[in-house]
């Protein structure tokens, strides 16, 4: 299920670039001189077809991905609970009941979201970005180089973003544990 979701996500990412490319080609056709509406019709049809196909592919990707994520999350939760039942109670004493509840519920939800929605969006975005980068290189290589430069700058910021996200997640987990403890 998960691999099928990734294939649909990749295809959806490629189709995402379709309207942009079709509009660019239509504008190039307009720039060549006067044209009638029939000459632009294929570009308009391509935009509509890409949007419809993208909706279908998103639906297929998400249904497969969320099903796979739910199966994986349930398996992880079941193994965790089975392990907690198997260890002596004293071993669990260093963790509060609230932290254990958060581990089983909230952390499992994060695993599900990361393995389905987040990964799908990342994978689809990479496919769309690659397709648009290739189109930019075909239309104007200088633009493609500028995009690659901006992408490189973005990659340099990832370690900083990772440290910030790690702190946010740690604070979130502490707050969830506190809230669970109070409840």
N, C-alpha and C. Protein backbone atom coordinates (compact mmCIF):
# COMPACT_ATOMS: atom_id res chain seq x y z
N UNK A 1 0.82 -1.21 0.00
CA UNK A 1 0.00 0.00 0.00
C UNK A 1 0.86 1.26 0.00
N UNK A 2 1.91 1.25 0.81
CA UNK A 2 2.73 2.44 0.92
C UNK A 2 3.48 2.72 -0.38
N UNK A 3 4.00 1.68 -1.01
CA UNK A 3 4.71 1.87 -2.28
C UNK A 3 3.76 2.38 -3.36
N UNK A 4 2.55 1.86 -3.37
CA UNK A 4 1.55 2.34 -4.34
C UNK A 4 1.25 3.81 -4.08
N UNK A 5 1.14 4.20 -2.82
CA UNK A 5 0.90 5.60 -2.50
C UNK A 5 2.04 6.49 -3.00
N UNK A 6 3.27 6.01 -2.87
CA UNK A 6 4.42 6.80 -3.34
C UNK A 6 4.41 6.94 -4.87
N UNK A 7 4.01 5.88 -5.57
CA UNK A 7 3.93 5.96 -7.04
C UNK A 7 2.87 6.98 -7.45
N UNK A 8 1.68 6.89 -6.82
CA UNK A 8 0.62 7.86 -7.14
C UNK A 8 1.05 9.28 -6.77
N UNK A 9 1.76 9.43 -5.67
CA UNK A 9 2.23 10.75 -5.26
C UNK A 9 3.24 11.30 -6.25
N UNK A 10 4.15 10.45 -6.72
CA UNK A 10 5.13 10.88 -7.71
C UNK A 10 4.43 11.34 -8.99
N UNK A 11 3.46 10.53 -9.45
CA UNK A 11 2.73 10.90 -10.65
C UNK A 11 1.95 12.19 -10.45
N UNK A 12 1.34 12.34 -9.28
CA UNK A 12 0.61 13.57 -8.98
C UNK A 12 1.54 14.77 -9.00
N UNK A 13 2.75 14.59 -8.49
CA UNK A 13 3.73 15.67 -8.52
C UNK A 13 4.09 16.08 -9.94
N UNK A 14 4.25 15.09 -10.80
CA UNK A 14 4.54 15.39 -12.21
C UNK A 14 3.38 16.13 -12.86
N UNK A 15 2.15 15.68 -12.58
CA UNK A 15 0.97 16.30 -13.17
C UNK A 15 0.77 17.73 -12.63
N UNK A 16 1.24 18.00 -11.41
CA UNK A 16 1.14 19.33 -10.83
C UNK A 16 1.82 20.36 -11.72
N UNK A 17 2.90 19.97 -12.35
CA UNK A 17 3.63 20.89 -13.22
C UNK A 17 2.91 21.12 -14.54
N UNK A 18 1.97 20.26 -14.89
CA UNK A 18 1.28 20.35 -16.18
C UNK A 18 0.63 21.69 -16.48
N UNK A 19 -0.21 22.22 -15.58
CA UNK A 19 -0.84 23.51 -15.88
C UNK A 19 0.17 24.64 -16.09
N UNK A 20 1.22 24.65 -15.30
CA UNK A 20 2.23 25.71 -15.44
C UNK A 20 2.90 25.61 -16.81
N UNK A 21 3.25 24.41 -17.19
CA UNK A 21 3.91 24.21 -18.49
C UNK A 21 2.95 24.53 -19.64
N UNK A 22 1.69 24.09 -19.51
CA UNK A 22 0.71 24.36 -20.56
C UNK A 22 0.48 25.86 -20.73
N UNK A 23 0.37 26.58 -19.63
CA UNK A 23 0.18 28.03 -19.71
C UNK A 23 1.42 28.69 -20.33
N UNK A 24 2.60 28.25 -19.94
CA UNK A 24 3.83 28.81 -20.51
C UNK A 24 3.88 28.58 -22.02
N UNK A 25 3.53 27.39 -22.45
CA UNK A 25 3.52 27.10 -23.88
C UNK A 25 2.46 27.93 -24.61
N UNK A 26 1.30 28.08 -23.97
CA UNK A 26 0.26 28.93 -24.56
C UNK A 26 0.70 30.38 -24.68
N UNK A 27 1.38 30.88 -23.67
CA UNK A 27 1.89 32.26 -23.73
C UNK A 27 2.96 32.40 -24.80
N UNK A 28 3.78 31.39 -24.95
CA UNK A 28 4.79 31.43 -26.02
C UNK A 28 4.11 31.46 -27.39
N UNK A 29 3.03 30.70 -27.51
CA UNK A 29 2.28 30.70 -28.78
C UNK A 29 1.68 32.07 -29.04
N UNK A 30 1.15 32.71 -27.99
CA UNK A 30 0.60 34.07 -28.13
C UNK A 30 1.68 35.08 -28.52
N UNK A 31 2.88 34.89 -27.99
CA UNK A 31 3.96 35.82 -28.27
C UNK A 31 4.43 35.74 -29.72
N UNK A 32 4.11 34.65 -30.40
CA UNK A 32 4.52 34.49 -31.79
C UNK A 32 3.69 35.33 -32.74
N UNK A 33 2.59 35.84 -32.28
CA UNK A 33 1.75 36.66 -33.15
C UNK A 33 0.29 36.33 -32.95
N UNK A 34 -0.57 36.96 -33.73
CA UNK A 34 -2.02 36.75 -33.57
C UNK A 34 -2.41 35.28 -33.77
N UNK A 35 -3.28 34.81 -32.87
CA UNK A 35 -3.80 33.44 -32.96
C UNK A 35 -5.29 33.47 -32.66
N UNK A 36 -5.99 32.48 -33.15
CA UNK A 36 -7.41 32.38 -32.82
C UNK A 36 -7.58 31.49 -31.59
N UNK A 37 -8.79 31.45 -31.09
CA UNK A 37 -9.07 30.69 -29.86
C UNK A 37 -8.81 29.20 -30.06
N UNK A 38 -9.05 28.70 -31.23
CA UNK A 38 -8.85 27.27 -31.48
C UNK A 38 -7.38 26.88 -31.36
N UNK A 39 -6.47 27.80 -31.66
CA UNK A 39 -5.04 27.50 -31.55
C UNK A 39 -4.62 27.38 -30.08
N UNK A 40 -5.36 28.06 -29.20
CA UNK A 40 -5.04 28.01 -27.76
C UNK A 40 -5.82 26.93 -27.02
N UNK A 41 -6.81 26.34 -27.68
CA UNK A 41 -7.65 25.33 -27.03
C UNK A 41 -6.86 24.15 -26.48
N UNK A 42 -5.86 23.61 -27.18
CA UNK A 42 -5.12 22.48 -26.60
C UNK A 42 -4.45 22.81 -25.26
N UNK A 43 -3.99 24.04 -25.11
CA UNK A 43 -3.34 24.44 -23.85
C UNK A 43 -4.37 24.52 -22.73
N UNK A 44 -5.56 25.05 -23.03
CA UNK A 44 -6.63 25.13 -22.02
C UNK A 44 -7.09 23.73 -21.63
N UNK A 45 -7.24 22.85 -22.61
CA UNK A 45 -7.65 21.47 -22.32
C UNK A 45 -6.59 20.78 -21.47
N UNK A 46 -5.32 21.04 -21.77
CA UNK A 46 -4.23 20.43 -20.99
C UNK A 46 -4.29 20.87 -19.53
N UNK A 47 -4.61 22.14 -19.28
CA UNK A 47 -4.71 22.64 -17.91
C UNK A 47 -5.84 21.93 -17.17
N UNK A 48 -7.01 21.87 -17.79
CA UNK A 48 -8.16 21.22 -17.15
C UNK A 48 -7.89 19.73 -16.93
N UNK A 49 -7.34 19.08 -17.93
CA UNK A 49 -7.04 17.64 -17.80
C UNK A 49 -6.04 17.38 -16.69
N UNK A 50 -5.03 18.23 -16.57
CA UNK A 50 -4.02 18.06 -15.52
C UNK A 50 -4.64 18.24 -14.14
N UNK A 51 -5.53 19.20 -14.00
CA UNK A 51 -6.18 19.43 -12.69
C UNK A 51 -7.05 18.23 -12.32
N UNK A 52 -7.83 17.73 -13.27
CA UNK A 52 -8.70 16.57 -12.99
C UNK A 52 -7.85 15.34 -12.66
N UNK A 53 -6.81 15.10 -13.44
CA UNK A 53 -5.94 13.96 -13.19
C UNK A 53 -5.25 14.09 -11.83
N UNK A 54 -4.85 15.29 -11.48
CA UNK A 54 -4.20 15.50 -10.18
C UNK A 54 -5.16 15.17 -9.04
N UNK A 55 -6.41 15.58 -9.14
CA UNK A 55 -7.40 15.27 -8.11
C UNK A 55 -7.55 13.76 -7.95
N UNK A 56 -7.62 13.04 -9.06
CA UNK A 56 -7.75 11.58 -9.03
C UNK A 56 -6.51 10.95 -8.38
N UNK A 57 -5.33 11.41 -8.78
CA UNK A 57 -4.10 10.84 -8.24
C UNK A 57 -3.93 11.15 -6.75
N UNK A 58 -4.31 12.34 -6.32
CA UNK A 58 -4.25 12.68 -4.89
C UNK A 58 -5.15 11.73 -4.11
N UNK A 59 -6.35 11.51 -4.61
CA UNK A 59 -7.29 10.62 -3.93
C UNK A 59 -6.72 9.21 -3.80
N UNK A 60 -6.15 8.70 -4.89
CA UNK A 60 -5.57 7.36 -4.86
C UNK A 60 -4.37 7.29 -3.92
N UNK A 61 -3.50 8.31 -3.98
CA UNK A 61 -2.30 8.33 -3.13
C UNK A 61 -2.68 8.40 -1.66
N UNK A 62 -3.58 9.30 -1.34
CA UNK A 62 -3.93 9.47 0.07
C UNK A 62 -4.67 8.26 0.62
N UNK A 63 -5.57 7.68 -0.16
CA UNK A 63 -6.29 6.52 0.39
C UNK A 63 -5.33 5.36 0.64
N UNK A 64 -4.40 5.13 -0.29
CA UNK A 64 -3.41 4.07 -0.07
C UNK A 64 -2.46 4.42 1.06
N UNK A 65 -1.99 5.66 1.07
CA UNK A 65 -1.02 6.09 2.07
C UNK A 65 -1.58 6.08 3.48
N UNK A 66 -2.78 6.60 3.66
CA UNK A 66 -3.35 6.63 5.00
C UNK A 66 -3.69 5.23 5.49
N UNK A 67 -4.14 4.37 4.58
CA UNK A 67 -4.39 2.98 4.98
C UNK A 67 -3.09 2.32 5.45
N UNK A 68 -2.02 2.53 4.67
CA UNK A 68 -0.71 1.95 5.04
C UNK A 68 -0.21 2.55 6.35
N UNK A 69 -0.37 3.84 6.52
CA UNK A 69 0.06 4.50 7.76
C UNK A 69 -0.72 4.01 8.96
N UNK A 70 -2.01 3.80 8.80
CA UNK A 70 -2.82 3.30 9.91
C UNK A 70 -2.42 1.88 10.29
N UNK A 71 -2.15 1.05 9.29
CA UNK A 71 -1.72 -0.33 9.57
C UNK A 71 -0.38 -0.32 10.31
N UNK A 72 0.57 0.50 9.82
CA UNK A 72 1.89 0.57 10.46
C UNK A 72 1.78 1.12 11.88
N UNK A 73 1.00 2.18 12.07
CA UNK A 73 0.85 2.77 13.39
C UNK A 73 0.20 1.79 14.37
N UNK A 74 -0.81 1.07 13.91
CA UNK A 74 -1.46 0.09 14.78
C UNK A 74 -0.48 -1.01 15.17
N UNK A 75 0.34 -1.45 14.23
CA UNK A 75 1.32 -2.49 14.53
C UNK A 75 2.34 -1.99 15.56
N UNK A 76 2.81 -0.75 15.40
CA UNK A 76 3.77 -0.19 16.35
C UNK A 76 3.14 -0.06 17.73
N UNK A 77 1.91 0.45 17.78
CA UNK A 77 1.23 0.60 19.08
C UNK A 77 1.02 -0.76 19.74
N UNK A 78 0.59 -1.75 18.98
CA UNK A 78 0.37 -3.08 19.55
C UNK A 78 1.66 -3.68 20.08
N UNK A 79 2.76 -3.53 19.34
CA UNK A 79 4.05 -4.04 19.81
C UNK A 79 4.50 -3.31 21.07
N UNK A 80 4.28 -2.00 21.11
CA UNK A 80 4.68 -1.21 22.27
C UNK A 80 3.88 -1.64 23.51
N UNK A 81 2.58 -1.78 23.35
CA UNK A 81 1.74 -2.19 24.48
C UNK A 81 2.10 -3.61 24.92
N UNK A 82 2.34 -4.50 23.97
CA UNK A 82 2.74 -5.87 24.32
C UNK A 82 4.06 -5.86 25.08
N UNK A 83 4.99 -5.02 24.66
CA UNK A 83 6.28 -4.92 25.35
C UNK A 83 6.08 -4.37 26.77
N UNK A 84 5.21 -3.35 26.90
CA UNK A 84 4.96 -2.77 28.21
C UNK A 84 4.34 -3.80 29.16
N UNK A 85 3.52 -4.69 28.62
CA UNK A 85 2.91 -5.75 29.44
C UNK A 85 3.95 -6.79 29.86
N UNK A 86 4.96 -6.99 29.03
CA UNK A 86 5.94 -8.05 29.28
C UNK A 86 7.03 -7.64 30.28
N UNK A 87 7.34 -6.36 30.39
CA UNK A 87 8.41 -5.94 31.29
C UNK A 87 7.88 -5.80 32.71
N UNK A 88 8.74 -5.96 33.70
CA UNK A 88 8.30 -5.78 35.09
C UNK A 88 7.80 -4.35 35.31
N UNK A 89 6.82 -4.22 36.21
CA UNK A 89 6.24 -2.90 36.48
C UNK A 89 7.30 -1.89 36.93
N UNK A 90 8.30 -2.35 37.62
CA UNK A 90 9.34 -1.44 38.10
C UNK A 90 10.11 -0.78 36.96
N UNK A 91 10.21 -1.46 35.83
CA UNK A 91 10.92 -0.90 34.68
C UNK A 91 10.17 0.27 34.08
N UNK A 92 8.85 0.27 34.24
CA UNK A 92 8.04 1.36 33.71
C UNK A 92 7.94 2.53 34.68
N UNK A 93 8.44 2.33 35.90
CA UNK A 93 8.30 3.34 36.94
C UNK A 93 9.02 4.65 36.63
N UNK A 94 10.04 4.62 35.80
CA UNK A 94 10.75 5.87 35.50
C UNK A 94 9.96 6.75 34.54
N UNK A 95 8.91 6.22 33.95
CA UNK A 95 8.05 7.01 33.07
C UNK A 95 6.71 7.20 33.76
N UNK A 96 6.17 8.39 33.66
CA UNK A 96 4.86 8.63 34.25
C UNK A 96 3.79 7.98 33.37
N UNK A 97 2.64 7.75 33.96
CA UNK A 97 1.52 7.18 33.20
C UNK A 97 1.15 8.11 32.06
N UNK A 98 1.25 9.41 32.32
CA UNK A 98 0.91 10.39 31.27
C UNK A 98 1.88 10.29 30.09
N UNK A 99 3.18 10.10 30.39
CA UNK A 99 4.15 10.00 29.30
C UNK A 99 3.93 8.72 28.51
N UNK A 100 3.59 7.64 29.19
CA UNK A 100 3.30 6.39 28.49
C UNK A 100 2.07 6.53 27.59
N UNK A 101 1.03 7.21 28.11
CA UNK A 101 -0.17 7.43 27.31
C UNK A 101 0.14 8.28 26.08
N UNK A 102 0.96 9.31 26.28
CA UNK A 102 1.36 10.18 25.16
C UNK A 102 2.16 9.39 24.14
N UNK A 103 3.03 8.53 24.61
CA UNK A 103 3.84 7.71 23.71
C UNK A 103 2.95 6.85 22.81
N UNK A 104 1.94 6.23 23.39
CA UNK A 104 1.08 5.33 22.63
C UNK A 104 0.14 6.10 21.70
N UNK A 105 -0.38 7.23 22.15
CA UNK A 105 -1.39 7.94 21.35
C UNK A 105 -0.77 9.00 20.44
N UNK A 106 -0.20 10.03 21.01
CA UNK A 106 0.29 11.16 20.22
C UNK A 106 1.51 10.82 19.37
N UNK A 107 2.47 10.12 19.94
CA UNK A 107 3.66 9.79 19.16
C UNK A 107 3.31 8.85 18.01
N UNK A 108 2.36 7.95 18.24
CA UNK A 108 1.89 7.09 17.17
C UNK A 108 1.22 7.87 16.06
N UNK A 109 0.47 8.90 16.45
CA UNK A 109 -0.18 9.76 15.45
C UNK A 109 0.87 10.49 14.62
N UNK A 110 1.94 10.94 15.26
CA UNK A 110 3.00 11.64 14.52
C UNK A 110 3.68 10.69 13.54
N UNK A 111 3.89 9.46 13.94
CA UNK A 111 4.48 8.48 13.03
C UNK A 111 3.57 8.30 11.82
N UNK A 112 2.28 8.19 12.06
CA UNK A 112 1.31 8.02 10.99
C UNK A 112 1.36 9.23 10.04
N UNK A 113 1.32 10.43 10.58
CA UNK A 113 1.33 11.63 9.74
C UNK A 113 2.64 11.77 8.97
N UNK A 114 3.75 11.49 9.63
CA UNK A 114 5.04 11.62 8.96
C UNK A 114 5.18 10.60 7.83
N UNK A 115 4.67 9.39 8.06
CA UNK A 115 4.83 8.34 7.05
C UNK A 115 3.81 8.44 5.93
N UNK A 116 2.78 9.21 6.10
CA UNK A 116 1.77 9.32 5.04
C UNK A 116 1.73 10.73 4.48
N UNK A 117 1.10 11.62 5.18
CA UNK A 117 0.86 12.96 4.65
C UNK A 117 2.16 13.71 4.37
N UNK A 118 3.04 13.81 5.35
CA UNK A 118 4.27 14.59 5.19
C UNK A 118 5.16 14.01 4.11
N UNK A 119 5.37 12.71 4.15
CA UNK A 119 6.23 12.08 3.16
C UNK A 119 5.62 12.18 1.76
N UNK A 120 4.30 12.00 1.67
CA UNK A 120 3.64 12.15 0.37
C UNK A 120 3.83 13.56 -0.19
N UNK A 121 3.62 14.55 0.64
CA UNK A 121 3.75 15.94 0.17
C UNK A 121 5.20 16.23 -0.24
N UNK A 122 6.14 15.74 0.53
CA UNK A 122 7.55 15.95 0.20
C UNK A 122 7.90 15.27 -1.12
N UNK A 123 7.48 14.04 -1.27
CA UNK A 123 7.79 13.27 -2.48
C UNK A 123 7.12 13.90 -3.71
N UNK A 124 5.85 14.26 -3.57
CA UNK A 124 5.14 14.91 -4.67
C UNK A 124 5.74 16.26 -5.02
N UNK A 125 6.13 17.01 -4.00
CA UNK A 125 6.76 18.32 -4.23
C UNK A 125 8.09 18.19 -4.95
N UNK A 126 8.85 17.18 -4.60
CA UNK A 126 10.13 16.95 -5.29
C UNK A 126 9.90 16.59 -6.75
N UNK A 127 8.90 15.75 -7.02
CA UNK A 127 8.60 15.38 -8.41
C UNK A 127 8.17 16.60 -9.21
N UNK A 128 7.27 17.41 -8.63
CA UNK A 128 6.82 18.62 -9.32
C UNK A 128 7.97 19.59 -9.52
N UNK A 129 8.78 19.76 -8.48
CA UNK A 129 9.93 20.67 -8.58
C UNK A 129 10.92 20.25 -9.64
N UNK A 130 11.18 18.96 -9.71
CA UNK A 130 12.11 18.45 -10.72
C UNK A 130 11.55 18.67 -12.13
N UNK A 131 10.28 18.39 -12.30
CA UNK A 131 9.64 18.58 -13.60
C UNK A 131 9.69 20.06 -14.00
N UNK A 132 9.38 20.96 -13.07
CA UNK A 132 9.41 22.39 -13.37
C UNK A 132 10.84 22.88 -13.60
N UNK A 133 11.80 22.32 -12.89
CA UNK A 133 13.20 22.69 -13.11
C UNK A 133 13.64 22.29 -14.52
N UNK A 134 13.25 21.09 -14.96
CA UNK A 134 13.58 20.66 -16.31
C UNK A 134 12.90 21.55 -17.35
N UNK A 135 11.66 21.93 -17.08
CA UNK A 135 10.96 22.84 -18.00
C UNK A 135 11.65 24.20 -18.03
N UNK A 136 12.06 24.70 -16.86
CA UNK A 136 12.76 25.98 -16.81
C UNK A 136 14.08 25.91 -17.58
N UNK A 137 14.77 24.79 -17.47
CA UNK A 137 16.03 24.62 -18.19
C UNK A 137 15.79 24.61 -19.70
N UNK A 138 14.66 24.04 -20.09
CA UNK A 138 14.34 24.01 -21.52
C UNK A 138 13.97 25.41 -22.03
N UNK A 139 13.17 26.16 -21.23
CA UNK A 139 12.77 27.51 -21.64
C UNK A 139 13.91 28.51 -21.51
N UNK A 140 14.62 28.46 -20.37
CA UNK A 140 15.68 29.45 -20.11
C UNK A 140 16.68 28.87 -19.11
N UNK A 141 17.83 28.42 -19.57
CA UNK A 141 18.82 27.79 -18.68
C UNK A 141 19.26 28.70 -17.53
N UNK A 142 19.30 30.01 -17.74
CA UNK A 142 19.70 30.93 -16.66
C UNK A 142 18.70 30.88 -15.50
N UNK A 143 17.43 30.77 -15.82
CA UNK A 143 16.40 30.65 -14.78
C UNK A 143 16.59 29.35 -14.00
N UNK A 144 16.89 28.28 -14.71
CA UNK A 144 17.11 27.00 -14.04
C UNK A 144 18.30 27.08 -13.09
N UNK A 145 19.35 27.77 -13.49
CA UNK A 145 20.51 27.95 -12.61
C UNK A 145 20.14 28.77 -11.37
N UNK A 146 19.33 29.79 -11.57
CA UNK A 146 18.89 30.60 -10.42
C UNK A 146 18.06 29.75 -9.45
N UNK A 147 17.21 28.89 -9.99
CA UNK A 147 16.40 28.00 -9.15
C UNK A 147 17.30 27.03 -8.39
N UNK A 148 18.28 26.48 -9.06
CA UNK A 148 19.22 25.57 -8.39
C UNK A 148 19.99 26.27 -7.28
N UNK A 149 20.39 27.51 -7.51
CA UNK A 149 21.08 28.30 -6.49
C UNK A 149 20.18 28.51 -5.27
N UNK A 150 18.92 28.89 -5.52
CA UNK A 150 17.97 29.10 -4.42
C UNK A 150 17.72 27.79 -3.67
N UNK A 151 17.64 26.69 -4.39
CA UNK A 151 17.46 25.38 -3.77
C UNK A 151 18.65 25.04 -2.88
N UNK A 152 19.85 25.34 -3.35
CA UNK A 152 21.06 25.11 -2.55
C UNK A 152 21.05 25.91 -1.27
N UNK A 153 20.61 27.17 -1.36
CA UNK A 153 20.50 27.98 -0.14
C UNK A 153 19.48 27.38 0.83
N UNK A 154 18.40 26.86 0.28
CA UNK A 154 17.40 26.21 1.12
C UNK A 154 17.96 24.98 1.82
N UNK A 155 18.76 24.21 1.11
CA UNK A 155 19.38 23.02 1.72
C UNK A 155 20.32 23.40 2.86
N UNK A 156 21.01 24.53 2.70
CA UNK A 156 21.91 24.98 3.77
C UNK A 156 21.16 25.34 5.04
N UNK A 157 19.90 25.74 4.90
CA UNK A 157 19.11 26.12 6.08
C UNK A 157 18.50 24.92 6.80
N UNK A 158 18.53 23.73 6.20
CA UNK A 158 17.89 22.56 6.82
C UNK A 158 18.44 22.19 8.19
N UNK A 159 19.76 22.23 8.43
CA UNK A 159 20.23 21.90 9.78
C UNK A 159 19.68 22.85 10.85
N UNK A 160 19.61 24.12 10.53
CA UNK A 160 19.06 25.10 11.49
C UNK A 160 17.58 24.80 11.73
N UNK A 161 16.84 24.56 10.65
CA UNK A 161 15.42 24.24 10.79
C UNK A 161 15.23 22.96 11.60
N UNK A 162 16.11 21.99 11.40
CA UNK A 162 16.03 20.74 12.16
C UNK A 162 16.21 20.96 13.65
N UNK A 163 17.17 21.80 14.02
CA UNK A 163 17.38 22.08 15.45
C UNK A 163 16.17 22.81 16.04
N UNK A 164 15.60 23.75 15.30
CA UNK A 164 14.42 24.47 15.79
C UNK A 164 13.26 23.50 15.96
N UNK A 165 13.05 22.64 14.97
CA UNK A 165 11.95 21.67 15.04
C UNK A 165 12.13 20.70 16.19
N UNK A 166 13.36 20.29 16.44
CA UNK A 166 13.64 19.38 17.56
C UNK A 166 13.23 20.02 18.89
N UNK A 167 13.54 21.31 19.05
CA UNK A 167 13.14 22.02 20.26
C UNK A 167 11.64 22.15 20.38
N UNK A 168 10.98 22.45 19.27
CA UNK A 168 9.52 22.58 19.27
C UNK A 168 8.88 21.25 19.65
N UNK A 169 9.37 20.15 19.09
CA UNK A 169 8.81 18.83 19.39
C UNK A 169 9.05 18.47 20.85
N UNK A 170 10.23 18.79 21.37
CA UNK A 170 10.50 18.49 22.78
C UNK A 170 9.55 19.26 23.69
N UNK A 171 9.33 20.55 23.38
CA UNK A 171 8.38 21.34 24.19
C UNK A 171 6.96 20.79 24.05
N UNK A 172 6.58 20.42 22.85
CA UNK A 172 5.25 19.85 22.62
C UNK A 172 5.06 18.58 23.42
N UNK A 173 6.05 17.69 23.40
CA UNK A 173 5.94 16.44 24.15
C UNK A 173 5.84 16.70 25.65
N UNK A 174 6.62 17.65 26.14
CA UNK A 174 6.56 17.98 27.56
C UNK A 174 5.18 18.53 27.93
N UNK A 175 4.64 19.39 27.08
CA UNK A 175 3.32 19.96 27.36
C UNK A 175 2.23 18.89 27.28
N UNK A 176 2.31 17.99 26.31
CA UNK A 176 1.32 16.92 26.22
C UNK A 176 1.39 16.00 27.44
N UNK A 177 2.60 15.71 27.89
CA UNK A 177 2.75 14.87 29.08
C UNK A 177 2.15 15.57 30.28
N UNK A 178 2.41 16.87 30.42
CA UNK A 178 1.87 17.63 31.53
C UNK A 178 0.34 17.65 31.49
N UNK A 179 -0.21 17.87 30.31
CA UNK A 179 -1.67 17.91 30.17
C UNK A 179 -2.27 16.54 30.50
N UNK A 180 -1.65 15.47 30.00
CA UNK A 180 -2.13 14.13 30.29
C UNK A 180 -2.06 13.83 31.78
N UNK A 181 -0.99 14.27 32.42
CA UNK A 181 -0.82 14.05 33.86
C UNK A 181 -1.91 14.77 34.64
N UNK A 182 -2.23 15.98 34.22
CA UNK A 182 -3.28 16.74 34.91
C UNK A 182 -4.64 16.09 34.74
N UNK A 183 -4.88 15.57 33.52
CA UNK A 183 -6.19 14.92 33.27
C UNK A 183 -6.30 13.65 34.10
